[in-house]
Structures are given as structure tokens and as C-alpha cells.
Amino acid sequence: MLPSAPSKGMIQLRPDQIHSLIFMDFETTGMIPDNYEKGRPTPGDKNRSIAYSVTRNCNVHDNPSEMPQITEMAFVSVPRQLFSSAVEDIHNDDIFDEDGPLMKKIPSNIYSSQIKPNLTVNQWRKYEDTRKHCPAMHLSQTDLQYKNSFAIEWPAVHAFLKNQKSPACIIAHNGANFDFRILYSELIRNKLLSSYPIPDGIYFLDSYLAFLDIEKHHLDNLAVTTSLINWEKVGGVMNLAKNTIITEEVNVTEGVAATDAPESLEDSIDIFMTDNDVQPQTSTTTLLKQPENTGMKTPPQKQKPPVGSKSVDNGIKRYP
């Protein structure tokens, strides 16, 4: 059902070569039996293969007779060009609203259907008991008892997928560990894999794994950026800005020293580490006795005149 791992000499598709994005989601009678120890995916793993993962689970761990059955399936097909245009619009300042939802309507082709699962009386009873504690299972036995079976509905889904402009990509969140395996089991259980297989030119993508990779790339960039910042200089800049707003002059008052603070806010733009920022460590005692020269001067202190002398201050004579 799924494309196998690329062989030597096989042409790999670039994202801009995909014509249709098909978002797929299922509601089922339950969860996949946890009959084996699952390993957590490694973000950024370039050797990871969805085809290998799903094929291994389906052939080694999954028993179609014990797998959950689909009670509702939905497919939303969007041309990649319209999807990319909508992403650009969301990032456009003209429509971006921090207080509003990030939403953009995209003209799409949609196919959805509800399915009556093949359950025994005891299985229906267990399904209803589970549904009482699982809000995601909103379809009751009464809702499904008059619907078609998966075997009747799948040929229409097959025609829908076949009509989408290819190459196309079916996208499901956590699909490698759930949706793709559920679909494979349904095709095997209903003996439809040979007569109505996944049409040619359709590939599979797990958005959960994609988000892991995107997040890792983002965190790696943040780690590199923060490692290059001179945090002592940042602290000095913040103190300088605070004092500038209050007094419009840079003063070191009340015994608070601004370490490595620049002389003006204009000099605070570059906060990244340079070779000059790498200095030998100095003990705390030395810092207290010999504060660093920050380039900022304290106002001169007035000397108290000696007793018995005369002084003039602002034109006012003072006598002992």
C-alpha cells in the first residue's frame, strides 16, 4: 500500500513537485492494542522511513482481526499552490491579528463518510462503554447502524483519491503509528488491497514527525544564537535603558554597578560575543575592591567647607 523505501537510482520528489495535499483523518472503534514496546521517534532522523515503519508494524505486530475499525473517514484535498498562498497570507501583516484566530479559507475537494463497523453484540457493548469516557468517540451504535460498511464505501474513496491531480501526498497526524496502520488493516480485513489499492502517484506524510523535525531545527538555531550572546552586556544595556528613561542621564546610583554597560543606547545594538569579550575570570573580592571602568562617570561630590571659613554658593554668603 505504501511506497517502499527509495532504491538506488530512484528519483526523489521535491515538495514543490507535489500537486495535491490530501489531509486524512479517521474516527475508530478504539485504540491500537499496545502489544509491543514502541520507541519514540528521533527528531531530525534522516534515515527514518514511514514506509518501513508502517510495513513492519502491519506485518509483524498488527493482527487485522484485533485492530480497531473505522467508523468515520474524511479526506480534504487542497492544491499545493493554494495551500502555499494561504500560508503567505497568514504571515501577511495586513491580515495578521494577534488577538484573532489564524484562519484562512481554502477552496478544497472533500470526501467524508460514516461507516458501520462489523462488531458483535459484546463488542458493541464494549464500544458504548468506552465511548462514555472518550469524547473523541462521538458516534453511537444508533448513529452507525444504518450506514454502509467499509467494503461498500472504499471504492468511492478510491475513485476520489484517483481523481486528485498527482503526484499527491496523503497527510495524517501521527499517521505512521495509527491512521496508516488502521487503513492497511481495513483493506486486508475486507480483502480490498488487490482490487482497490492506493492509486499510483500517491505518497504518505506524517505531520507529527514533520513537526518534530521542524521544532528541532528551530531549537538548534536558538541554541546557536543564545550561545553567541554576551549576557553580561545584555544586563548592562537593560540597566542603562532603565536609567535613561528615568533620569535621561546614565548614572550609577545606590551602589548598583552596570557591568560592561555601553556609554549610550546606540552602542548597545551589538550584544553578540566578540574576541574582546573573552576575558580571564576575576574573583568576587577583586571586583568589589576594584570595580571595572565602565566608561561612565559619577557626578563630582561637593566638599564641605571647613569650620570658620566663608564660602559662596549660588550667591548666598554663609558665616559660621
Protein backbone atom coordinates (compact mmCIF):
# COMPACT_ATOMS: atom_id res chain seq x y z
CA MET A 1 0.00 0.00 0.00
CA LEU A 2 2.73 2.45 0.98
CA PRO A 3 5.65 3.31 -1.28
CA SER A 4 8.71 1.30 -0.36
CA ALA A 5 12.00 2.85 0.66
CA PRO A 6 13.67 4.52 -2.32
CA SER A 7 16.05 2.25 -4.15
CA LYS A 8 19.32 3.29 -5.74
CA GLY A 9 18.72 5.43 -8.79
CA MET A 10 15.10 6.21 -7.86
CA ILE A 11 14.11 9.85 -8.42
CA GLN A 12 13.01 11.56 -5.19
CA LEU A 13 10.25 14.16 -5.31
CA ARG A 14 10.80 17.68 -4.06
CA PRO A 15 7.98 19.35 -2.10
CA ASP A 16 7.31 21.74 -4.99
CA GLN A 17 6.66 18.77 -7.27
CA ILE A 18 3.61 17.67 -5.23
CA HIS A 19 0.37 18.87 -6.84
CA SER A 20 -2.22 17.83 -4.23
CA LEU A 21 -2.16 17.74 -0.43
CA ILE A 22 -4.77 15.31 0.92
CA PHE A 23 -5.42 15.61 4.65
CA MET A 24 -6.84 12.38 6.09
CA ASP A 25 -8.43 11.69 9.47
CA PHE A 26 -10.32 8.74 10.98
CA GLU A 27 -12.61 8.03 13.87
CA THR A 28 -12.38 4.43 15.03
CA THR A 29 -13.81 1.95 17.49
CA GLY A 30 -10.79 2.30 19.76
CA MET A 31 -7.02 2.43 20.02
CA ILE A 32 -4.46 0.03 18.58
CA PRO A 33 -3.60 -2.75 21.08
CA ASP A 34 -0.32 -1.89 22.78
CA ASN A 35 1.17 -5.35 22.37
CA TYR A 36 4.77 -4.26 21.86
CA GLU A 37 7.18 -1.64 23.12
CA LYS A 38 7.13 1.42 20.89
CA GLY A 39 10.22 3.55 20.56
CA ARG A 40 9.94 7.32 20.44
CA PRO A 41 10.87 8.83 17.06
CA THR A 42 14.14 10.72 16.92
CA PRO A 43 13.69 14.31 15.69
CA GLY A 44 15.75 15.04 12.60
CA ASP A 45 16.43 11.38 11.81
CA LYS A 46 17.21 11.44 8.07
CA ASN A 47 17.25 7.63 7.85
CA ARG A 48 13.66 7.37 9.08
CA SER A 49 11.22 5.75 6.64
CA ILE A 50 7.44 5.89 7.07
CA ALA A 51 7.06 3.04 4.58
CA TYR A 52 9.39 0.79 6.56
CA SER A 53 7.81 1.71 9.91
CA VAL A 54 4.23 1.08 8.76
CA THR A 55 5.10 -2.10 6.85
CA ARG A 56 6.98 -3.53 9.84
CA ASN A 57 4.14 -2.77 12.26
CA CYS A 58 1.44 -4.09 9.93
CA ASN A 59 3.26 -7.33 9.11
CA VAL A 60 4.85 -8.05 12.49
CA HIS A 61 2.68 -6.57 15.23
CA ASP A 62 -0.81 -5.92 13.85
CA ASN A 63 -3.48 -8.59 13.65
CA PRO A 64 -6.28 -7.23 11.37
CA SER A 65 -8.95 -9.10 13.34
CA GLU A 66 -7.89 -7.32 16.55
CA MET A 67 -7.34 -3.87 15.08
CA PRO A 68 -9.86 -1.06 15.59
CA GLN A 69 -12.35 -0.46 12.79
CA ILE A 70 -13.09 2.85 11.06
CA THR A 71 -16.41 4.49 11.96
CA GLU A 72 -15.80 7.76 10.08
CA MET A 73 -13.25 8.85 7.49
CA ALA A 74 -12.62 12.25 5.94
CA PHE A 75 -10.35 13.39 3.10
CA VAL A 76 -9.70 17.06 2.26
CA SER A 77 -7.74 17.67 -0.95
CA VAL A 78 -6.04 21.04 -1.47
CA PRO A 79 -3.86 22.09 -4.43
CA ARG A 80 -0.37 22.75 -3.10
CA GLN A 81 -0.24 26.17 -4.77
CA LEU A 82 -3.39 27.34 -2.94
CA PHE A 83 -2.08 25.97 0.35
CA SER A 84 1.25 27.81 -0.06
CA SER A 85 -0.59 31.02 -0.97
CA ALA A 86 -2.74 30.74 2.17
CA VAL A 87 0.38 30.31 4.33
CA GLU A 88 1.83 33.50 2.86
CA ASP A 89 -1.43 35.37 3.52
CA ILE A 90 -1.42 34.29 7.17
CA HIS A 91 2.05 35.78 7.57
CA ASN A 92 0.99 38.98 5.84
CA ASP A 93 0.79 41.92 8.23
CA ASP A 94 -2.43 43.11 6.59
CA ILE A 95 -4.47 40.18 7.92
CA PHE A 96 -2.34 39.06 10.87
CA ASP A 97 -4.15 39.68 14.12
CA GLU A 98 -2.53 38.57 17.36
CA ASP A 99 -5.90 38.61 19.12
CA GLY A 100 -7.76 36.70 16.41
CA PRO A 101 -7.55 33.13 15.08
CA LEU A 102 -5.02 32.22 12.42
CA MET A 103 -7.53 31.08 9.83
CA LYS A 104 -7.69 31.20 6.07
CA LYS A 105 -10.37 29.64 3.88
CA ILE A 106 -9.03 27.47 1.05
CA PRO A 107 -11.24 26.03 -1.72
CA SER A 108 -10.98 22.25 -1.28
CA ASN A 109 -12.39 18.95 -2.50
CA ILE A 110 -13.86 16.98 0.40
CA TYR A 111 -14.99 13.39 0.79
CA SER A 112 -16.32 12.07 4.10
CA SER A 113 -18.45 9.13 5.14
CA GLN A 114 -19.60 7.35 8.27
CA ILE A 115 -19.21 3.58 8.39
CA LYS A 116 -20.92 0.80 10.25
CA PRO A 117 -18.23 -1.42 11.81
CA ASN A 118 -18.62 -5.17 11.86
CA LEU A 119 -18.96 -5.76 15.61
CA THR A 120 -20.54 -8.48 17.70
CA VAL A 121 -23.05 -7.76 20.47
CA ASN A 122 -20.33 -7.89 23.12
CA GLN A 123 -18.04 -5.67 21.03
CA TRP A 124 -20.83 -3.10 20.64
CA ARG A 125 -21.36 -3.12 24.39
CA LYS A 126 -17.67 -2.55 24.99
CA TYR A 127 -17.66 0.20 22.36
CA GLU A 128 -20.50 2.06 24.09
CA ASP A 129 -18.79 1.72 27.48
CA THR A 130 -15.58 3.13 26.06
CA ARG A 131 -17.42 5.95 24.30
CA LYS A 132 -18.81 7.23 27.61
CA HIS A 133 -15.26 8.07 28.76
CA CYS A 134 -13.81 9.15 25.40
CA PRO A 135 -15.17 12.43 23.96
CA ALA A 136 -13.42 11.74 20.63
CA MET A 137 -15.78 8.81 20.00
CA HIS A 138 -18.96 10.78 19.39
CA LEU A 139 -20.80 8.30 17.11
CA SER A 140 -23.12 5.87 18.89
CA GLN A 141 -24.32 2.49 17.73
CA THR A 142 -27.63 4.10 16.77
CA ASP A 143 -25.79 6.65 14.63
CA LEU A 144 -23.92 3.95 12.73
CA GLN A 145 -26.31 1.04 12.44
CA TYR A 146 -27.90 2.28 9.19
CA LYS A 147 -24.63 3.28 7.47
CA ASN A 148 -22.69 1.35 4.82
CA SER A 149 -19.78 -0.93 5.63
CA PHE A 150 -16.16 -0.10 4.81
CA ALA A 151 -16.21 -2.56 1.90
CA ILE A 152 -19.04 -0.61 0.25
CA GLU A 153 -17.62 2.87 0.94
CA TRP A 154 -13.99 2.27 -0.02
CA PRO A 155 -14.44 2.07 -3.83
CA ALA A 156 -15.83 5.63 -3.75
CA VAL A 157 -12.85 6.76 -1.68
CA HIS A 158 -10.54 5.03 -4.15
CA ALA A 159 -12.17 6.96 -7.02
CA PHE A 160 -11.83 10.24 -5.07
CA LEU A 161 -8.11 9.68 -4.48
CA LYS A 162 -7.54 8.61 -8.07
CA ASN A 163 -9.17 11.81 -9.39
CA GLN A 164 -6.83 14.12 -7.46
CA LYS A 165 -4.03 15.60 -9.51
CA SER A 166 -0.86 13.63 -8.89
CA PRO A 167 1.73 13.44 -7.50
CA ALA A 168 -0.36 13.72 -4.34
CA CYS A 169 0.52 13.36 -0.68
CA ILE A 170 -1.80 11.93 2.00
CA ILE A 171 -1.10 13.70 5.30
CA ALA A 172 -2.19 12.35 8.69
CA HIS A 173 -1.10 13.47 12.16
CA ASN A 174 0.59 10.50 13.87
CA GLY A 175 -0.30 8.55 10.74
CA ALA A 176 2.72 6.26 10.87
CA ASN A 177 1.65 4.93 14.25
CA PHE A 178 -2.14 4.99 13.79
CA ASP A 179 -4.06 6.11 10.65
CA PHE A 180 -1.90 4.37 8.04
CA ARG A 181 -1.91 1.13 10.03
CA ILE A 182 -5.70 1.29 10.56
CA LEU A 183 -6.29 1.81 6.83
CA TYR A 184 -3.99 -1.06 5.90
CA SER A 185 -5.79 -3.39 8.33
CA GLU A 186 -9.19 -2.41 6.91
CA LEU A 187 -8.03 -3.15 3.36
CA ILE A 188 -6.65 -6.53 4.45
CA ARG A 189 -9.69 -7.46 6.56
CA ASN A 190 -12.10 -6.62 3.70
CA LYS A 191 -9.84 -8.17 1.01
CA LEU A 192 -9.67 -4.90 -0.95
CA LEU A 193 -5.91 -4.45 -1.16
CA SER A 194 -5.61 -6.13 -4.56
CA SER A 195 -8.83 -4.83 -6.17
CA TYR A 196 -8.80 -1.24 -4.80
CA PRO A 197 -5.25 -0.41 -3.67
CA ILE A 198 -3.94 3.08 -3.07
CA PRO A 199 -3.73 4.68 -6.56
CA ASP A 200 -0.35 5.27 -8.17
CA GLY A 201 1.31 8.63 -7.65
CA ILE A 202 0.18 8.98 -4.02
CA TYR A 203 2.68 9.32 -1.19
CA PHE A 204 2.31 9.48 2.59
CA LEU A 205 3.47 12.02 5.17
CA ASP A 206 3.14 12.03 8.97
CA SER A 207 2.69 15.65 10.10
CA TYR A 208 3.64 14.69 13.68
CA LEU A 209 7.09 13.56 12.56
CA ALA A 210 7.39 16.65 10.36
CA PHE A 211 6.63 18.93 13.32
CA LEU A 212 9.29 17.16 15.39
CA ASP A 213 11.88 17.85 12.70
CA ILE A 214 10.79 21.50 12.29
CA GLU A 215 10.89 22.06 16.06
CA LYS A 216 14.37 20.50 16.33
CA HIS A 217 15.66 22.77 13.55
CA HIS A 218 14.16 25.79 15.34
CA LEU A 219 15.62 24.81 18.74
CA ASP A 220 19.05 24.17 17.20
CA ASN A 221 19.03 27.69 15.72
CA LEU A 222 18.02 29.15 19.09
CA ALA A 223 20.81 27.24 20.85
CA VAL A 224 23.42 28.61 18.45
CA THR A 225 22.06 32.16 18.71
CA THR A 226 21.89 32.25 22.51
CA SER A 227 25.41 30.81 22.81
CA LEU A 228 26.76 33.82 20.87
CA ILE A 229 25.09 36.46 23.06
CA ASN A 230 27.12 38.33 25.67
CA TRP A 231 24.61 38.14 28.52
CA GLU A 232 26.66 40.49 30.75
CA LYS A 233 26.36 43.12 28.06
CA VAL A 234 22.61 42.49 27.84
CA GLY A 235 22.30 43.14 31.58
CA GLY A 236 24.25 46.36 31.23
CA VAL A 237 22.07 47.51 28.34
CA MET A 238 18.89 46.84 30.34
CA ASN A 239 20.19 48.83 33.31
CA LEU A 240 21.28 51.64 31.00
CA ALA A 241 17.88 51.78 29.31
CA LYS A 242 16.10 51.83 32.67
CA ASN A 243 18.23 54.70 34.00
CA THR A 244 17.95 56.61 30.72
CA ILE A 245 14.15 56.55 30.83
CA ILE A 246 14.02 57.73 34.43
CA THR A 247 16.76 60.41 34.56
CA GLU A 248 17.63 60.95 30.89
CA GLU A 249 21.23 60.57 32.04
CA VAL A 250 23.31 57.50 32.81
CA ASN A 251 24.08 57.40 36.49
CA VAL A 252 25.33 54.60 38.67
CA THR A 253 23.43 55.15 41.91
CA GLU A 254 22.67 53.39 45.15
CA GLY A 255 25.73 51.18 44.76
CA VAL A 256 24.41 49.35 41.66
CA ALA A 257 27.12 48.81 39.05
CA ALA A 258 26.23 48.24 35.38
CA THR A 259 28.80 45.67 34.24
CA ASP A 260 30.10 46.19 30.72
CA ALA A 261 27.36 48.75 30.07
CA PRO A 262 27.86 50.81 26.90
CA GLU A 263 28.03 54.61 27.07
CA SER A 264 24.80 55.06 25.11
CA LEU A 265 21.88 53.04 23.82
CA GLU A 266 23.26 53.44 20.31
CA ASP A 267 26.33 51.49 21.41
CA SER A 268 24.15 48.63 22.73
CA ILE A 269 22.98 47.26 19.37
CA ASP A 270 25.71 44.62 19.08
CA ILE A 271 25.21 42.25 22.01
CA PHE A 272 26.93 39.23 20.48
CA MET A 273 30.19 37.78 21.73
CA THR A 274 33.45 39.01 20.19
CA ASP A 275 37.06 38.04 20.81
CA ASN A 276 37.39 41.07 23.12
CA ASP A 277 34.58 39.75 25.32
CA VAL A 278 36.57 36.66 26.29
CA GLN A 279 38.39 37.72 29.49
CA PRO A 280 40.11 35.81 32.30
CA GLN A 281 38.00 35.07 35.35
CA THR A 282 38.27 37.51 38.29
CA SER A 283 37.35 36.73 41.86
CA THR A 284 34.38 38.38 43.54
CA THR A 285 36.64 40.03 46.14
CA THR A 286 38.69 41.72 43.46
CA LEU A 287 35.57 43.00 41.75
CA LEU A 288 34.38 44.58 44.97
CA LYS A 289 37.68 46.31 45.63
CA GLN A 290 38.42 47.32 42.07
CA PRO A 291 35.23 47.88 40.06
CA GLU A 292 35.67 47.80 36.33
CA ASN A 293 35.84 51.06 34.45
CA THR A 294 32.52 51.17 32.63
CA GLY A 295 33.19 54.46 30.92
CA MET A 296 30.52 56.21 32.99
CA LYS A 297 31.46 58.94 35.46
CA THR A 298 29.72 59.70 38.75
CA PRO A 299 28.82 63.35 39.47
CA PRO A 300 31.51 65.23 41.47
CA GLN A 301 30.78 65.40 45.18
CA LYS A 302 30.76 68.80 46.88
CA GLN A 303 33.33 69.30 49.64
CA LYS A 304 32.08 70.61 52.98
CA PRO A 305 33.87 73.86 53.80
CA PRO A 306 35.95 73.88 56.96
CA VAL A 307 34.53 75.43 60.08
CA GLY A 308 35.20 79.15 60.33
CA SER A 309 35.71 79.72 56.64
CA LYS A 310 33.50 81.63 54.27
CA SER A 311 32.12 80.16 51.07
CA VAL A 312 29.87 81.38 48.31
CA ASP A 313 27.19 79.08 46.93
CA ASN A 314 24.68 80.38 44.44
CA GLY A 315 25.37 83.95 45.57
CA ILE A 316 24.44 83.34 49.20
CA LYS A 317 27.03 84.13 51.84
CA ARG A 318 27.45 81.73 54.69
CA TYR A 319 29.04 82.54 58.01
CA PRO A 320 29.98 80.23 60.82
